[in-house]
Amino acid sequence: MTKTSDWLTIIIPAFNEEEGIASVLDGVLRFSEENNWTVLVVDDGSTDATPKILGRYGDRIRTIRHSSSRGYGASLKSGIMATRSENVLLLMPTGSMIPLISQPWSNP
């Protein structure tokens, strides 16, 4: 398993993203693995091949899967609540980013 850092988690919410998720993950992993950052994909109950594609990455990524679609906001919340990192980068499955934010919350 890839050693990860508590400095940054890259969260990618995904719902039926079979067309582009692999290319986004391949690009993100080039940087995250060099820097020991965590990549966390939240699969929001995808009904296409997204779960199978995510499975191909094995322990190179963390995955949370909702049993059914709960919406974009719930996916973000699940990802944020699952991280222990100091910082979070929200990355859309299209590759666009929401700027790096410091974690203003704490998990028990």
N, C-alpha and C. Protein backbone atom coordinates (compact mmCIF):
# COMPACT_ATOMS: atom_id res chain seq x y z
N MET A 1 0.84 -1.19 0.00
CA MET A 1 0.00 0.00 0.00
C MET A 1 0.88 1.24 0.00
N THR A 2 0.46 2.27 -0.71
CA THR A 2 1.19 3.51 -0.79
C THR A 2 1.17 4.22 0.56
N LYS A 3 2.36 4.66 1.00
CA LYS A 3 2.42 5.44 2.23
C LYS A 3 1.77 6.79 1.97
N THR A 4 0.93 7.25 2.88
CA THR A 4 0.23 8.51 2.69
C THR A 4 0.63 9.52 3.74
N SER A 5 0.34 10.76 3.46
CA SER A 5 0.67 11.86 4.33
C SER A 5 -0.59 12.42 4.96
N ASP A 6 -0.44 12.98 6.14
CA ASP A 6 -1.56 13.66 6.77
C ASP A 6 -1.69 15.09 6.27
N TRP A 7 -0.85 15.48 5.32
CA TRP A 7 -0.87 16.85 4.86
C TRP A 7 -2.01 17.14 3.88
N LEU A 8 -2.29 16.22 2.94
CA LEU A 8 -3.30 16.49 1.92
C LEU A 8 -4.06 15.24 1.54
N THR A 9 -5.37 15.38 1.44
CA THR A 9 -6.23 14.38 0.82
C THR A 9 -6.93 15.03 -0.36
N ILE A 10 -6.89 14.35 -1.51
CA ILE A 10 -7.58 14.80 -2.71
C ILE A 10 -8.88 13.99 -2.77
N ILE A 11 -10.00 14.69 -2.66
CA ILE A 11 -11.31 14.04 -2.67
C ILE A 11 -11.96 14.23 -4.04
N ILE A 12 -12.39 13.12 -4.62
CA ILE A 12 -13.05 13.15 -5.93
C ILE A 12 -14.43 12.52 -5.78
N PRO A 13 -15.51 13.32 -5.82
CA PRO A 13 -16.85 12.74 -5.81
C PRO A 13 -17.16 12.21 -7.21
N ALA A 14 -17.78 11.05 -7.30
CA ALA A 14 -18.04 10.46 -8.62
C ALA A 14 -19.41 9.81 -8.67
N PHE A 15 -20.12 10.07 -9.74
CA PHE A 15 -21.39 9.40 -10.01
C PHE A 15 -21.45 9.12 -11.51
N ASN A 16 -21.46 7.84 -11.87
CA ASN A 16 -21.52 7.41 -13.27
C ASN A 16 -20.48 8.14 -14.13
N GLU A 17 -19.22 7.99 -13.74
CA GLU A 17 -18.11 8.68 -14.40
C GLU A 17 -17.22 7.74 -15.21
N GLU A 18 -17.79 6.65 -15.73
CA GLU A 18 -16.98 5.66 -16.43
C GLU A 18 -16.21 6.23 -17.61
N GLU A 19 -16.70 7.27 -18.21
CA GLU A 19 -16.04 7.83 -19.40
C GLU A 19 -14.73 8.54 -19.10
N GLY A 20 -14.59 9.15 -17.92
CA GLY A 20 -13.40 9.97 -17.70
C GLY A 20 -12.65 9.74 -16.41
N ILE A 21 -13.17 8.93 -15.50
CA ILE A 21 -12.56 8.81 -14.19
C ILE A 21 -11.15 8.23 -14.25
N ALA A 22 -10.90 7.30 -15.15
CA ALA A 22 -9.57 6.68 -15.23
C ALA A 22 -8.51 7.70 -15.63
N SER A 23 -8.80 8.54 -16.61
CA SER A 23 -7.79 9.51 -17.04
C SER A 23 -7.53 10.54 -15.95
N VAL A 24 -8.57 10.94 -15.22
CA VAL A 24 -8.38 11.88 -14.11
C VAL A 24 -7.54 11.22 -13.02
N LEU A 25 -7.86 9.99 -12.65
CA LEU A 25 -7.11 9.31 -11.60
C LEU A 25 -5.66 9.08 -12.01
N ASP A 26 -5.43 8.71 -13.26
CA ASP A 26 -4.05 8.50 -13.71
C ASP A 26 -3.23 9.77 -13.55
N GLY A 27 -3.81 10.91 -13.91
CA GLY A 27 -3.11 12.19 -13.76
C GLY A 27 -2.89 12.57 -12.31
N VAL A 28 -3.91 12.40 -11.50
CA VAL A 28 -3.82 12.76 -10.08
C VAL A 28 -2.80 11.87 -9.38
N LEU A 29 -2.79 10.60 -9.68
CA LEU A 29 -1.88 9.67 -9.01
C LEU A 29 -0.42 9.96 -9.33
N ARG A 30 -0.13 10.51 -10.49
CA ARG A 30 1.26 10.87 -10.80
C ARG A 30 1.80 11.85 -9.77
N PHE A 31 0.97 12.82 -9.37
CA PHE A 31 1.39 13.82 -8.39
C PHE A 31 1.23 13.32 -6.96
N SER A 32 0.13 12.65 -6.68
CA SER A 32 -0.14 12.25 -5.30
C SER A 32 0.86 11.20 -4.83
N GLU A 33 1.23 10.28 -5.68
CA GLU A 33 2.17 9.25 -5.27
C GLU A 33 3.57 9.81 -5.07
N GLU A 34 3.96 10.80 -5.86
CA GLU A 34 5.26 11.46 -5.67
C GLU A 34 5.33 12.17 -4.32
N ASN A 35 4.20 12.67 -3.85
CA ASN A 35 4.15 13.48 -2.64
C ASN A 35 3.53 12.76 -1.44
N ASN A 36 3.18 11.49 -1.62
CA ASN A 36 2.56 10.70 -0.55
C ASN A 36 1.24 11.29 -0.07
N TRP A 37 0.45 11.82 -1.00
CA TRP A 37 -0.86 12.34 -0.66
C TRP A 37 -1.90 11.25 -0.84
N THR A 38 -3.00 11.38 -0.14
CA THR A 38 -4.10 10.42 -0.23
C THR A 38 -5.08 10.85 -1.31
N VAL A 39 -5.53 9.90 -2.13
CA VAL A 39 -6.60 10.13 -3.10
C VAL A 39 -7.81 9.33 -2.61
N LEU A 40 -8.91 10.04 -2.40
CA LEU A 40 -10.14 9.43 -1.90
C LEU A 40 -11.26 9.69 -2.89
N VAL A 41 -11.80 8.63 -3.47
CA VAL A 41 -12.92 8.75 -4.40
C VAL A 41 -14.19 8.34 -3.67
N VAL A 42 -15.21 9.20 -3.71
CA VAL A 42 -16.50 8.88 -3.13
C VAL A 42 -17.45 8.55 -4.28
N ASP A 43 -17.74 7.26 -4.43
CA ASP A 43 -18.66 6.80 -5.47
C ASP A 43 -20.08 6.91 -4.94
N ASP A 44 -20.84 7.79 -5.54
CA ASP A 44 -22.19 8.09 -5.05
C ASP A 44 -23.24 7.16 -5.66
N GLY A 45 -23.01 5.86 -5.52
CA GLY A 45 -23.99 4.88 -5.99
C GLY A 45 -24.04 4.73 -7.49
N SER A 46 -22.89 4.84 -8.15
CA SER A 46 -22.85 4.71 -9.61
C SER A 46 -23.48 3.41 -10.08
N THR A 47 -24.19 3.49 -11.21
CA THR A 47 -24.83 2.31 -11.79
C THR A 47 -24.15 1.89 -13.09
N ASP A 48 -23.10 2.59 -13.48
CA ASP A 48 -22.35 2.23 -14.67
C ASP A 48 -21.08 1.47 -14.25
N ALA A 49 -20.03 1.51 -15.03
CA ALA A 49 -18.80 0.76 -14.74
C ALA A 49 -17.85 1.48 -13.80
N THR A 50 -18.25 2.61 -13.24
CA THR A 50 -17.37 3.36 -12.34
C THR A 50 -16.81 2.51 -11.21
N PRO A 51 -17.63 1.74 -10.47
CA PRO A 51 -17.06 0.94 -9.37
C PRO A 51 -16.00 -0.06 -9.85
N LYS A 52 -16.22 -0.67 -11.00
CA LYS A 52 -15.26 -1.62 -11.55
C LYS A 52 -13.94 -0.92 -11.90
N ILE A 53 -14.04 0.25 -12.49
CA ILE A 53 -12.85 1.02 -12.85
C ILE A 53 -12.08 1.41 -11.58
N LEU A 54 -12.80 1.86 -10.57
CA LEU A 54 -12.14 2.23 -9.32
C LEU A 54 -11.43 1.03 -8.70
N GLY A 55 -12.05 -0.13 -8.80
CA GLY A 55 -11.45 -1.35 -8.25
C GLY A 55 -10.12 -1.70 -8.87
N ARG A 56 -9.89 -1.29 -10.11
CA ARG A 56 -8.61 -1.57 -10.79
C ARG A 56 -7.43 -0.85 -10.14
N TYR A 57 -7.73 0.19 -9.38
CA TYR A 57 -6.65 0.97 -8.76
C TYR A 57 -6.21 0.38 -7.43
N GLY A 58 -6.93 -0.61 -6.94
CA GLY A 58 -6.53 -1.30 -5.71
C GLY A 58 -6.26 -0.35 -4.57
N ASP A 59 -5.14 -0.55 -3.89
CA ASP A 59 -4.82 0.27 -2.72
C ASP A 59 -4.12 1.58 -3.08
N ARG A 60 -4.08 1.90 -4.37
CA ARG A 60 -3.51 3.20 -4.77
C ARG A 60 -4.46 4.35 -4.44
N ILE A 61 -5.75 4.01 -4.26
CA ILE A 61 -6.75 5.02 -3.87
C ILE A 61 -7.58 4.46 -2.73
N ARG A 62 -8.19 5.37 -1.97
CA ARG A 62 -9.22 4.99 -1.00
C ARG A 62 -10.56 5.21 -1.68
N THR A 63 -11.51 4.36 -1.39
CA THR A 63 -12.84 4.50 -1.99
C THR A 63 -13.91 4.38 -0.91
N ILE A 64 -14.87 5.28 -0.98
CA ILE A 64 -16.09 5.17 -0.19
C ILE A 64 -17.21 5.00 -1.21
N ARG A 65 -18.10 4.04 -0.97
CA ARG A 65 -19.21 3.83 -1.92
C ARG A 65 -20.53 3.97 -1.19
N HIS A 66 -21.34 4.90 -1.69
CA HIS A 66 -22.72 5.00 -1.22
C HIS A 66 -23.53 3.91 -1.91
N SER A 67 -24.42 3.27 -1.20
CA SER A 67 -25.21 2.18 -1.79
C SER A 67 -26.22 2.69 -2.82
N SER A 68 -26.60 3.96 -2.68
CA SER A 68 -27.46 4.61 -3.67
C SER A 68 -27.05 6.08 -3.74
N SER A 69 -27.49 6.74 -4.78
CA SER A 69 -27.10 8.15 -4.95
C SER A 69 -27.69 9.01 -3.85
N ARG A 70 -26.81 9.72 -3.16
CA ARG A 70 -27.24 10.63 -2.10
C ARG A 70 -26.99 12.09 -2.48
N GLY A 71 -26.38 12.30 -3.63
CA GLY A 71 -26.16 13.66 -4.10
C GLY A 71 -24.73 14.14 -3.89
N TYR A 72 -24.41 15.19 -4.64
CA TYR A 72 -23.08 15.77 -4.63
C TYR A 72 -22.65 16.22 -3.24
N GLY A 73 -23.52 16.93 -2.54
CA GLY A 73 -23.20 17.43 -1.21
C GLY A 73 -22.89 16.31 -0.23
N ALA A 74 -23.67 15.25 -0.28
CA ALA A 74 -23.44 14.11 0.61
C ALA A 74 -22.12 13.43 0.29
N SER A 75 -21.76 13.40 -0.99
CA SER A 75 -20.47 12.81 -1.38
C SER A 75 -19.31 13.62 -0.82
N LEU A 76 -19.42 14.93 -0.93
CA LEU A 76 -18.37 15.79 -0.37
C LEU A 76 -18.27 15.61 1.13
N LYS A 77 -19.42 15.59 1.79
CA LYS A 77 -19.43 15.43 3.24
C LYS A 77 -18.81 14.10 3.65
N SER A 78 -19.17 13.03 2.97
CA SER A 78 -18.59 11.72 3.29
C SER A 78 -17.08 11.74 3.15
N GLY A 79 -16.60 12.35 2.08
CA GLY A 79 -15.16 12.42 1.86
C GLY A 79 -14.45 13.26 2.90
N ILE A 80 -15.01 14.42 3.19
CA ILE A 80 -14.39 15.32 4.17
C ILE A 80 -14.37 14.68 5.55
N MET A 81 -15.46 14.04 5.93
CA MET A 81 -15.53 13.42 7.25
C MET A 81 -14.60 12.21 7.36
N ALA A 82 -14.23 11.61 6.25
CA ALA A 82 -13.37 10.42 6.28
C ALA A 82 -11.89 10.77 6.29
N THR A 83 -11.55 12.02 6.08
CA THR A 83 -10.13 12.37 6.03
C THR A 83 -9.60 12.79 7.39
N ARG A 84 -8.33 12.56 7.56
CA ARG A 84 -7.61 13.01 8.76
C ARG A 84 -6.54 14.03 8.37
N SER A 85 -6.54 14.41 7.12
CA SER A 85 -5.52 15.32 6.61
C SER A 85 -5.72 16.74 7.10
N GLU A 86 -4.62 17.49 7.11
CA GLU A 86 -4.67 18.90 7.46
C GLU A 86 -5.36 19.72 6.38
N ASN A 87 -5.24 19.30 5.13
CA ASN A 87 -5.76 20.03 3.98
C ASN A 87 -6.53 19.11 3.06
N VAL A 88 -7.47 19.70 2.33
CA VAL A 88 -8.30 18.95 1.41
C VAL A 88 -8.33 19.68 0.07
N LEU A 89 -8.21 18.91 -1.00
CA LEU A 89 -8.39 19.44 -2.35
C LEU A 89 -9.58 18.70 -2.94
N LEU A 90 -10.60 19.44 -3.33
CA LEU A 90 -11.77 18.83 -3.95
C LEU A 90 -11.57 18.88 -5.46
N LEU A 91 -11.55 17.71 -6.07
CA LEU A 91 -11.30 17.59 -7.50
C LEU A 91 -12.52 16.95 -8.15
N MET A 92 -13.06 17.62 -9.14
CA MET A 92 -14.20 17.07 -9.85
C MET A 92 -13.72 15.95 -10.78
N PRO A 93 -14.57 14.99 -11.09
CA PRO A 93 -14.15 13.89 -11.96
C PRO A 93 -13.84 14.35 -13.38
N THR A 94 -14.14 15.59 -13.69
CA THR A 94 -13.77 16.16 -14.98
C THR A 94 -12.36 16.73 -14.94
N GLY A 95 -11.77 16.82 -13.76
CA GLY A 95 -10.43 17.35 -13.62
C GLY A 95 -10.38 18.77 -13.10
N SER A 96 -11.52 19.47 -12.99
CA SER A 96 -11.51 20.83 -12.46
C SER A 96 -11.39 20.78 -10.94
N MET A 97 -10.78 21.82 -10.37
CA MET A 97 -10.50 21.82 -8.94
C MET A 97 -11.27 22.89 -8.20
N ILE A 98 -11.52 22.63 -6.94
CA ILE A 98 -11.94 23.64 -5.98
C ILE A 98 -10.69 23.90 -5.16
N PRO A 99 -10.31 25.14 -4.96
CA PRO A 99 -9.01 25.44 -4.33
C PRO A 99 -8.79 24.73 -3.01
N LEU A 100 -7.51 24.54 -2.73
CA LEU A 100 -7.08 23.92 -1.50
C LEU A 100 -7.63 24.67 -0.31
N ILE A 101 -8.17 23.94 0.62
CA ILE A 101 -8.70 24.57 1.83
C ILE A 101 -8.07 23.92 3.05
N SER A 102 -7.87 24.69 4.08
CA SER A 102 -7.42 24.12 5.34
C SER A 102 -8.61 23.52 6.04
N GLN A 103 -8.40 22.47 6.73
CA GLN A 103 -9.48 21.76 7.41
C GLN A 103 -9.89 22.53 8.66
N PRO A 104 -11.07 23.11 8.67
CA PRO A 104 -11.52 23.86 9.85
C PRO A 104 -12.29 23.00 10.84
N TRP A 105 -12.27 21.71 10.69
CA TRP A 105 -13.02 20.81 11.54
C TRP A 105 -12.05 19.80 12.14
N SER A 106 -12.53 19.04 13.04
CA SER A 106 -11.71 17.96 13.56
C SER A 106 -12.56 16.71 13.67
N ASN A 107 -11.92 15.59 13.44
CA ASN A 107 -12.60 14.31 13.57
C ASN A 107 -12.16 13.67 14.88
N PRO A 108 -13.06 13.03 15.57
CA PRO A 108 -12.68 12.38 16.83
C PRO A 108 -11.72 11.23 16.60
